[in-house]
Amino acid sequence: MTDTPGFLPVSGGLRTVLFVAFPDMGLLDLTGPQTVFWAASKALEERGTPGYLRHTVSLEGGLVRTAEGVALQTERLSAFASVPVDTLVVPGSPGIEHVLARLKPLTAWLRRKAPKVRRTASVCSGTFLLAQAGLLHDKRAATHWAMCDLLRERFPSIQVDRDALFVRDGSVWTSAGVSAGIDLSLALVEADHGHDVAMSVARELVVFLKRPGGQSQFSELLKSQTKNGAPFDELHLWISDNLGSDDLTVELLAERARMSPRNFARVYKQRTGRTPAKAVEVLRLEAARRMLEDSKRNVDQVARLCGFGSEERMRVTFQRHLSVSPRDYRKRFATRGG
């Protein structure tokens, strides 16, 4: 498989992967992908197939301290000036807004190096580094859900995908928050070596090769409890306690919020980014997911308890948001107790 014209997959040899470190980066942003490529190399060696040469690099080399306080030993980037590099992996930082300005020398290096490698990937807010390097102009990209608005504001040419775990646009791959870097790395391994090798890695790491849905898997209630949505926090908790009711109308919710229906619908959409009806739907979806994961109730019971009314209506909602049926979701995610 060729990601970029002019860059052919390595044949009969190891692929070199550079994990690009910088001060205050997120630890799991880097070590998650590193572990995937390590496990992939292990699986490939067992098959007698060349795997990946993995190097952790930084501008100056030496110890680089992560945001969590762990220091990682790195090699100097300049040592790889004449080395054929297959893949660059760039982590993010929890404080990307504050570190981005001082990373201009690194993004300048990325701007020069990326056209010479087969593909470039970022994890979480590492998308901002690729954007600052000019690698995402007019491209689709993903990042941590909490940083989507900031990414669009700073780099308006980027088509920000709020729901995807990862996005591939040409030779550039970007992922959502933190652990999504593992999903991205599994996809990179699968693109290189096929489904069986990627599945072997997923089993080794006890993760799913392809989890259903996208960033819709984080708590919708938590997402709603933002600074802008704070006036409706009590309402969201009340909705969560009354999801089984089939009477969660705009009028009823407006009454609970002590507002007129028209004003409530307008202000709610303005503050939370979604309509009241859509909010009820996603909270029902999240409650159903928890029940399917943790309880022994059958699917029809879950549908009724969560206010969907019927299994079919719940199925349609699951397919629309997660691209999986409730029954298949349970098969993938049910706990032993459930």
Protein backbone atom coordinates (compact mmCIF):
# COMPACT_ATOMS: atom_id res chain seq x y z
CA MET A 1 0.00 0.00 0.00
CA THR A 2 1.38 3.43 -0.95
CA ASP A 3 0.34 6.42 1.16
CA THR A 4 2.11 9.09 -0.84
CA PRO A 5 3.13 9.16 -4.52
CA GLY A 6 6.85 8.51 -4.76
CA PHE A 7 7.07 6.71 -1.41
CA LEU A 8 6.87 2.95 -1.78
CA PRO A 9 6.46 0.63 1.20
CA VAL A 10 9.72 -0.83 2.43
CA SER A 11 10.25 -4.26 0.88
CA GLY A 12 12.21 -6.86 2.79
CA GLY A 13 13.48 -4.37 5.39
CA LEU A 14 12.61 -2.68 8.65
CA ARG A 15 10.50 0.49 8.60
CA THR A 16 11.94 3.34 10.65
CA VAL A 17 9.46 5.13 12.93
CA LEU A 18 10.43 8.34 14.74
CA PHE A 19 8.47 9.27 17.86
CA VAL A 20 8.98 13.03 18.19
CA ALA A 21 9.32 14.18 21.80
CA PHE A 22 9.25 17.69 23.26
CA PRO A 23 9.04 19.17 26.79
CA ASP A 24 5.60 18.94 28.46
CA MET A 25 4.23 16.45 25.95
CA GLY A 26 1.60 13.95 27.10
CA LEU A 27 3.20 10.71 28.25
CA LEU A 28 0.52 8.33 26.95
CA ASP A 29 0.34 10.25 23.67
CA LEU A 30 3.85 8.96 22.99
CA THR A 31 4.07 5.67 24.87
CA GLY A 32 0.71 4.36 23.60
CA PRO A 33 1.85 4.37 19.94
CA GLN A 34 5.33 3.21 20.96
CA THR A 35 3.82 0.14 22.62
CA VAL A 36 1.69 -0.65 19.56
CA PHE A 37 4.69 -0.55 17.23
CA TRP A 38 6.77 -2.58 19.72
CA ALA A 39 4.05 -5.25 19.89
CA ALA A 40 3.73 -5.17 16.09
CA SER A 41 7.47 -5.77 15.69
CA LYS A 42 7.24 -8.67 18.13
CA ALA A 43 4.33 -10.20 16.17
CA LEU A 44 6.11 -9.70 12.85
CA GLU A 45 9.35 -11.25 14.10
CA GLU A 46 7.39 -14.35 15.12
CA ARG A 47 6.19 -14.54 11.51
CA GLY A 48 9.68 -14.05 10.12
CA THR A 49 8.76 -10.62 8.75
CA PRO A 50 10.74 -7.39 9.30
CA GLY A 51 9.06 -5.07 11.76
CA TYR A 52 9.80 -1.50 12.83
CA LEU A 53 12.95 0.32 13.94
CA ARG A 54 11.69 2.63 16.67
CA HIS A 55 13.48 5.78 17.83
CA THR A 56 12.39 8.43 20.32
CA VAL A 57 13.82 11.73 19.11
CA SER A 58 13.89 15.42 20.03
CA LEU A 59 15.54 18.56 18.72
CA GLU A 60 18.42 18.52 21.21
CA GLY A 61 18.40 14.88 22.27
CA GLY A 62 18.88 13.79 25.88
CA LEU A 63 16.23 13.67 28.59
CA VAL A 64 12.84 15.21 27.80
CA ARG A 65 10.35 15.65 30.64
CA THR A 66 6.68 14.95 29.98
CA ALA A 67 3.76 16.90 31.41
CA GLU A 68 3.33 14.09 33.94
CA GLY A 69 6.90 14.51 35.17
CA VAL A 70 8.42 11.40 33.61
CA ALA A 71 11.71 12.01 31.76
CA LEU A 72 12.37 10.06 28.55
CA GLN A 73 15.76 9.56 26.94
CA THR A 74 15.79 10.77 23.32
CA GLU A 75 18.12 10.86 20.33
CA ARG A 76 18.95 14.07 18.48
CA LEU A 77 16.84 14.70 15.38
CA SER A 78 19.86 15.71 13.34
CA ALA A 79 21.18 12.13 13.62
CA PHE A 80 18.39 11.07 11.24
CA ALA A 81 18.98 13.69 8.55
CA SER A 82 20.08 11.09 5.99
CA VAL A 83 18.08 8.13 7.35
CA PRO A 84 15.07 6.97 5.26
CA VAL A 85 12.14 7.48 7.62
CA ASP A 86 8.84 5.70 7.08
CA THR A 87 6.62 7.26 9.76
CA LEU A 88 6.68 10.27 12.07
CA VAL A 89 4.52 10.16 15.21
CA VAL A 90 3.93 13.49 16.99
CA PRO A 91 2.31 13.56 20.46
CA GLY A 92 0.28 16.37 21.94
CA SER A 93 0.46 18.25 25.21
CA PRO A 94 -2.21 18.97 27.85
CA GLY A 95 -1.00 22.57 27.74
CA ILE A 96 -0.68 22.88 23.99
CA GLU A 97 -1.89 26.51 24.03
CA HIS A 98 1.09 27.47 26.18
CA VAL A 99 3.82 25.36 24.58
CA LEU A 100 2.96 25.85 20.90
CA ALA A 101 4.83 29.15 20.51
CA ARG A 102 8.10 27.74 21.85
CA LEU A 103 7.82 24.70 19.55
CA LYS A 104 8.29 26.71 16.36
CA PRO A 105 11.78 25.24 15.74
CA LEU A 106 10.25 21.77 15.99
CA THR A 107 7.37 22.57 13.66
CA ALA A 108 9.85 24.10 11.21
CA TRP A 109 11.69 20.74 11.24
CA LEU A 110 8.37 18.93 10.68
CA ARG A 111 7.64 21.22 7.72
CA ARG A 112 10.95 20.23 6.13
CA LYS A 113 10.91 16.54 7.07
CA ALA A 114 7.31 15.51 6.43
CA PRO A 115 7.50 15.67 2.60
CA LYS A 116 10.44 13.26 2.77
CA VAL A 117 8.67 10.55 4.79
CA ARG A 118 5.88 8.21 3.77
CA ARG A 119 3.41 9.40 6.38
CA THR A 120 3.10 11.69 9.37
CA ALA A 121 0.77 11.08 12.32
CA SER A 122 -0.25 13.10 15.35
CA VAL A 123 -1.91 12.12 18.62
CA CYS A 124 -4.41 14.28 20.49
CA SER A 125 -3.32 17.96 20.44
CA GLY A 126 -0.28 17.00 18.38
CA THR A 127 -2.59 18.07 15.56
CA PHE A 128 -1.70 21.65 16.48
CA LEU A 129 1.97 20.99 15.74
CA LEU A 130 1.14 19.58 12.32
CA ALA A 131 -1.12 22.57 11.70
CA GLN A 132 1.58 25.03 12.75
CA ALA A 133 3.94 23.22 10.38
CA GLY A 134 1.50 23.84 7.53
CA LEU A 135 0.79 20.14 7.01
CA LEU A 136 -2.98 20.33 7.48
CA HIS A 137 -3.98 23.20 5.21
CA ASP A 138 -7.37 22.37 3.64
CA LYS A 139 -7.26 18.87 5.16
CA ARG A 140 -9.57 16.95 7.47
CA ALA A 141 -8.21 16.37 10.96
CA ALA A 142 -9.12 15.12 14.42
CA THR A 143 -7.97 16.23 17.86
CA HIS A 144 -9.10 16.00 21.48
CA TRP A 145 -12.80 16.84 21.63
CA ALA A 146 -12.18 19.70 24.08
CA MET A 147 -9.77 21.37 21.62
CA CYS A 148 -11.83 21.18 18.43
CA ASP A 149 -13.07 24.76 18.67
CA LEU A 150 -9.58 26.08 19.40
CA LEU A 151 -8.14 24.18 16.43
CA ARG A 152 -10.79 25.57 14.10
CA GLU A 153 -10.29 29.08 15.50
CA ARG A 154 -6.50 29.06 15.09
CA PHE A 155 -6.41 27.19 11.78
CA PRO A 156 -9.67 27.92 9.95
CA SER A 157 -8.65 26.06 6.77
CA ILE A 158 -8.71 22.72 8.64
CA GLN A 159 -11.89 20.64 8.39
CA VAL A 160 -12.15 19.51 12.01
CA ASP A 161 -13.88 16.16 12.50
CA ARG A 162 -15.31 16.21 16.01
CA ASP A 163 -16.46 12.59 16.09
CA ALA A 164 -13.66 10.55 14.56
CA LEU A 165 -11.16 8.62 16.65
CA PHE A 166 -8.68 9.25 13.88
CA VAL A 167 -8.64 10.76 10.40
CA ARG A 168 -6.46 9.99 7.41
CA ASP A 169 -6.13 12.63 4.73
CA GLY A 170 -3.50 11.63 2.21
CA SER A 171 -0.20 10.96 3.94
CA VAL A 172 -1.26 12.73 7.15
CA TRP A 173 -3.05 10.92 9.98
CA THR A 174 -4.45 12.66 13.07
CA SER A 175 -6.15 11.21 16.13
CA ALA A 176 -8.47 12.28 18.90
CA GLY A 177 -7.60 12.47 22.58
CA VAL A 178 -4.79 10.53 24.27
CA SER A 179 -5.75 6.83 24.10
CA ALA A 180 -7.04 7.30 20.54
CA GLY A 181 -3.36 7.31 19.59
CA ILE A 182 -3.49 3.55 20.19
CA ASP A 183 -6.41 3.21 17.78
CA LEU A 184 -4.51 5.28 15.23
CA SER A 185 -1.35 3.20 15.61
CA LEU A 186 -3.27 -0.05 15.19
CA ALA A 187 -4.70 1.37 11.96
CA LEU A 188 -1.20 2.24 10.76
CA VAL A 189 0.01 -1.30 11.50
CA GLU A 190 -3.03 -2.74 9.74
CA ALA A 191 -2.34 -0.57 6.68
CA ASP A 192 1.23 -1.91 6.59
CA HIS A 193 0.76 -5.57 7.45
CA GLY A 194 -2.91 -6.45 7.28
CA HIS A 195 -5.74 -7.35 9.62
CA ASP A 196 -4.21 -10.47 11.18
CA VAL A 197 -1.08 -8.73 12.45
CA ALA A 198 -3.07 -5.76 13.77
CA MET A 199 -5.50 -8.12 15.50
CA SER A 200 -2.58 -9.96 17.09
CA VAL A 201 -1.29 -6.65 18.46
CA ALA A 202 -4.75 -5.71 19.77
CA ARG A 203 -4.98 -9.04 21.60
CA GLU A 204 -1.48 -8.58 23.02
CA LEU A 205 -2.45 -5.17 24.41
CA VAL A 206 -5.98 -6.23 25.43
CA VAL A 207 -7.66 -3.52 23.37
CA PHE A 208 -10.18 -3.57 20.54
CA LEU A 209 -8.80 -3.36 17.03
CA LYS A 210 -11.78 -1.24 16.00
CA ARG A 211 -14.02 0.15 18.70
CA PRO A 212 -17.46 1.29 17.57
CA GLY A 213 -18.35 4.94 17.40
CA GLY A 214 -15.94 7.75 17.95
CA GLN A 215 -15.48 10.38 20.61
CA SER A 216 -19.19 9.92 21.31
CA GLN A 217 -17.87 7.27 23.70
CA PHE A 218 -16.90 9.86 26.30
CA SER A 219 -19.53 10.97 28.78
CA GLU A 220 -22.16 13.14 27.14
CA LEU A 221 -23.25 14.37 30.55
CA LEU A 222 -19.68 15.38 31.34
CA LYS A 223 -19.33 17.07 27.97
CA SER A 224 -22.46 19.11 28.69
CA GLN A 225 -21.01 20.34 31.98
CA THR A 226 -18.84 22.95 30.32
CA LYS A 227 -18.50 26.55 31.32
CA ASN A 228 -21.04 27.61 28.71
CA GLY A 229 -23.48 24.83 29.59
CA ALA A 230 -23.21 25.29 33.36
CA PRO A 231 -26.68 26.91 33.78
CA PHE A 232 -28.20 23.59 32.67
CA ASP A 233 -26.15 21.23 34.87
CA GLU A 234 -29.07 20.59 37.25
CA LEU A 235 -31.39 20.04 34.30
CA HIS A 236 -29.02 17.47 32.81
CA LEU A 237 -28.92 15.56 36.09
CA TRP A 238 -32.72 15.64 36.26
CA ILE A 239 -32.99 14.36 32.68
CA SER A 240 -30.57 11.53 33.52
CA ASP A 241 -32.79 10.54 36.45
CA ASN A 242 -35.94 10.58 34.31
CA LEU A 243 -34.86 9.09 30.99
CA GLY A 244 -37.55 6.40 31.15
CA SER A 245 -40.25 9.03 30.75
CA ASP A 246 -41.70 9.39 27.26
CA ASP A 247 -42.69 12.98 28.05
CA LEU A 248 -39.34 14.80 27.97
CA THR A 249 -40.64 17.54 25.70
CA VAL A 250 -39.16 20.98 25.16
CA GLU A 251 -42.09 22.38 27.12
CA LEU A 252 -41.39 20.18 30.14
CA LEU A 253 -37.66 20.87 30.05
CA ALA A 254 -38.30 24.60 29.71
CA GLU A 255 -40.54 24.45 32.75
CA ARG A 256 -37.81 22.70 34.73
CA ALA A 257 -35.36 25.40 33.61
CA ARG A 258 -37.88 28.14 34.52
CA MET A 259 -37.86 29.55 31.00
CA SER A 260 -40.34 29.93 28.18
CA PRO A 261 -40.13 27.09 25.63
CA ARG A 262 -38.98 29.40 22.84
CA ASN A 263 -36.31 31.12 24.91
CA PHE A 264 -35.18 27.81 26.42
CA ALA A 265 -34.70 26.16 23.03
CA ARG A 266 -32.71 29.15 21.75
CA VAL A 267 -30.47 29.55 24.82
CA TYR A 268 -29.93 25.81 25.24
CA LYS A 269 -28.72 25.41 21.66
CA GLN A 270 -26.51 28.48 22.05
CA ARG A 271 -24.92 27.26 25.30
CA THR A 272 -24.54 23.52 24.60
CA GLY A 273 -24.28 23.33 20.80
CA ARG A 274 -27.23 20.96 20.41
CA THR A 275 -31.02 21.05 20.59
CA PRO A 276 -32.86 19.86 23.73
CA ALA A 277 -34.22 16.87 21.77
CA LYS A 278 -30.73 15.86 20.66
CA ALA A 279 -29.46 16.21 24.23
CA VAL A 280 -32.13 13.84 25.49
CA GLU A 281 -31.26 11.38 22.73
CA VAL A 282 -27.54 11.28 23.52
CA LEU A 283 -28.16 10.99 27.28
CA ARG A 284 -30.50 8.07 26.57
CA LEU A 285 -27.84 6.55 24.37
CA GLU A 286 -25.22 6.83 27.09
CA ALA A 287 -27.53 5.31 29.70
CA ALA A 288 -28.33 2.43 27.35
CA ARG A 289 -24.64 1.81 26.72
CA ARG A 290 -23.97 1.57 30.46
CA MET A 291 -26.85 -0.87 30.95
CA LEU A 292 -25.72 -3.02 28.05
CA GLU A 293 -22.21 -3.09 29.48
CA ASP A 294 -23.01 -3.69 33.13
CA SER A 295 -26.48 -5.25 33.53
CA LYS A 296 -28.19 -8.52 32.63
CA ARG A 297 -31.35 -6.81 31.35
CA ASN A 298 -32.34 -7.83 27.84
CA VAL A 299 -32.13 -5.33 25.01
CA ASP A 300 -35.88 -4.66 24.93
CA GLN A 301 -35.87 -3.86 28.67
CA VAL A 302 -32.93 -1.50 28.23
CA ALA A 303 -34.76 0.28 25.43
CA ARG A 304 -37.83 0.84 27.61
CA LEU A 305 -35.90 1.86 30.73
CA CYS A 306 -33.89 4.42 28.78
CA GLY A 307 -36.94 5.94 27.14
CA PHE A 308 -36.48 4.70 23.58
CA GLY A 309 -39.86 2.98 23.70
CA SER A 310 -38.81 0.10 21.48
CA GLU A 311 -35.73 -1.92 20.62
CA GLU A 312 -35.98 -0.80 16.99
CA ARG A 313 -35.89 2.88 17.88
CA MET A 314 -32.85 2.26 20.09
CA ARG A 315 -31.18 0.27 17.32
CA VAL A 316 -31.60 3.17 14.88
CA THR A 317 -30.05 5.55 17.42
CA PHE A 318 -27.09 3.24 18.06
CA GLN A 319 -26.46 2.85 14.34
CA ARG A 320 -26.61 6.60 13.77
CA HIS A 321 -24.21 7.49 16.57
CA LEU A 322 -21.97 4.43 16.97
CA SER A 323 -22.37 2.49 13.71
CA VAL A 324 -23.17 -0.67 15.68
CA SER A 325 -26.36 -2.36 16.89
CA PRO A 326 -27.17 -2.58 20.64
CA ARG A 327 -26.72 -6.36 20.55
CA ASP A 328 -23.32 -6.12 18.87
CA TYR A 329 -22.33 -3.34 21.27
CA ARG A 330 -23.11 -5.65 24.22
CA LYS A 331 -21.06 -8.48 22.68
CA ARG A 332 -18.03 -6.19 22.44
CA PHE A 333 -18.26 -4.30 25.72
CA ALA A 334 -20.28 -6.26 28.29
CA THR A 335 -18.44 -6.86 31.55
CA ARG A 336 -18.30 -10.32 33.11
CA GLY A 337 -20.95 -9.27 35.59
CA GLY A 338 -23.17 -8.11 32.73
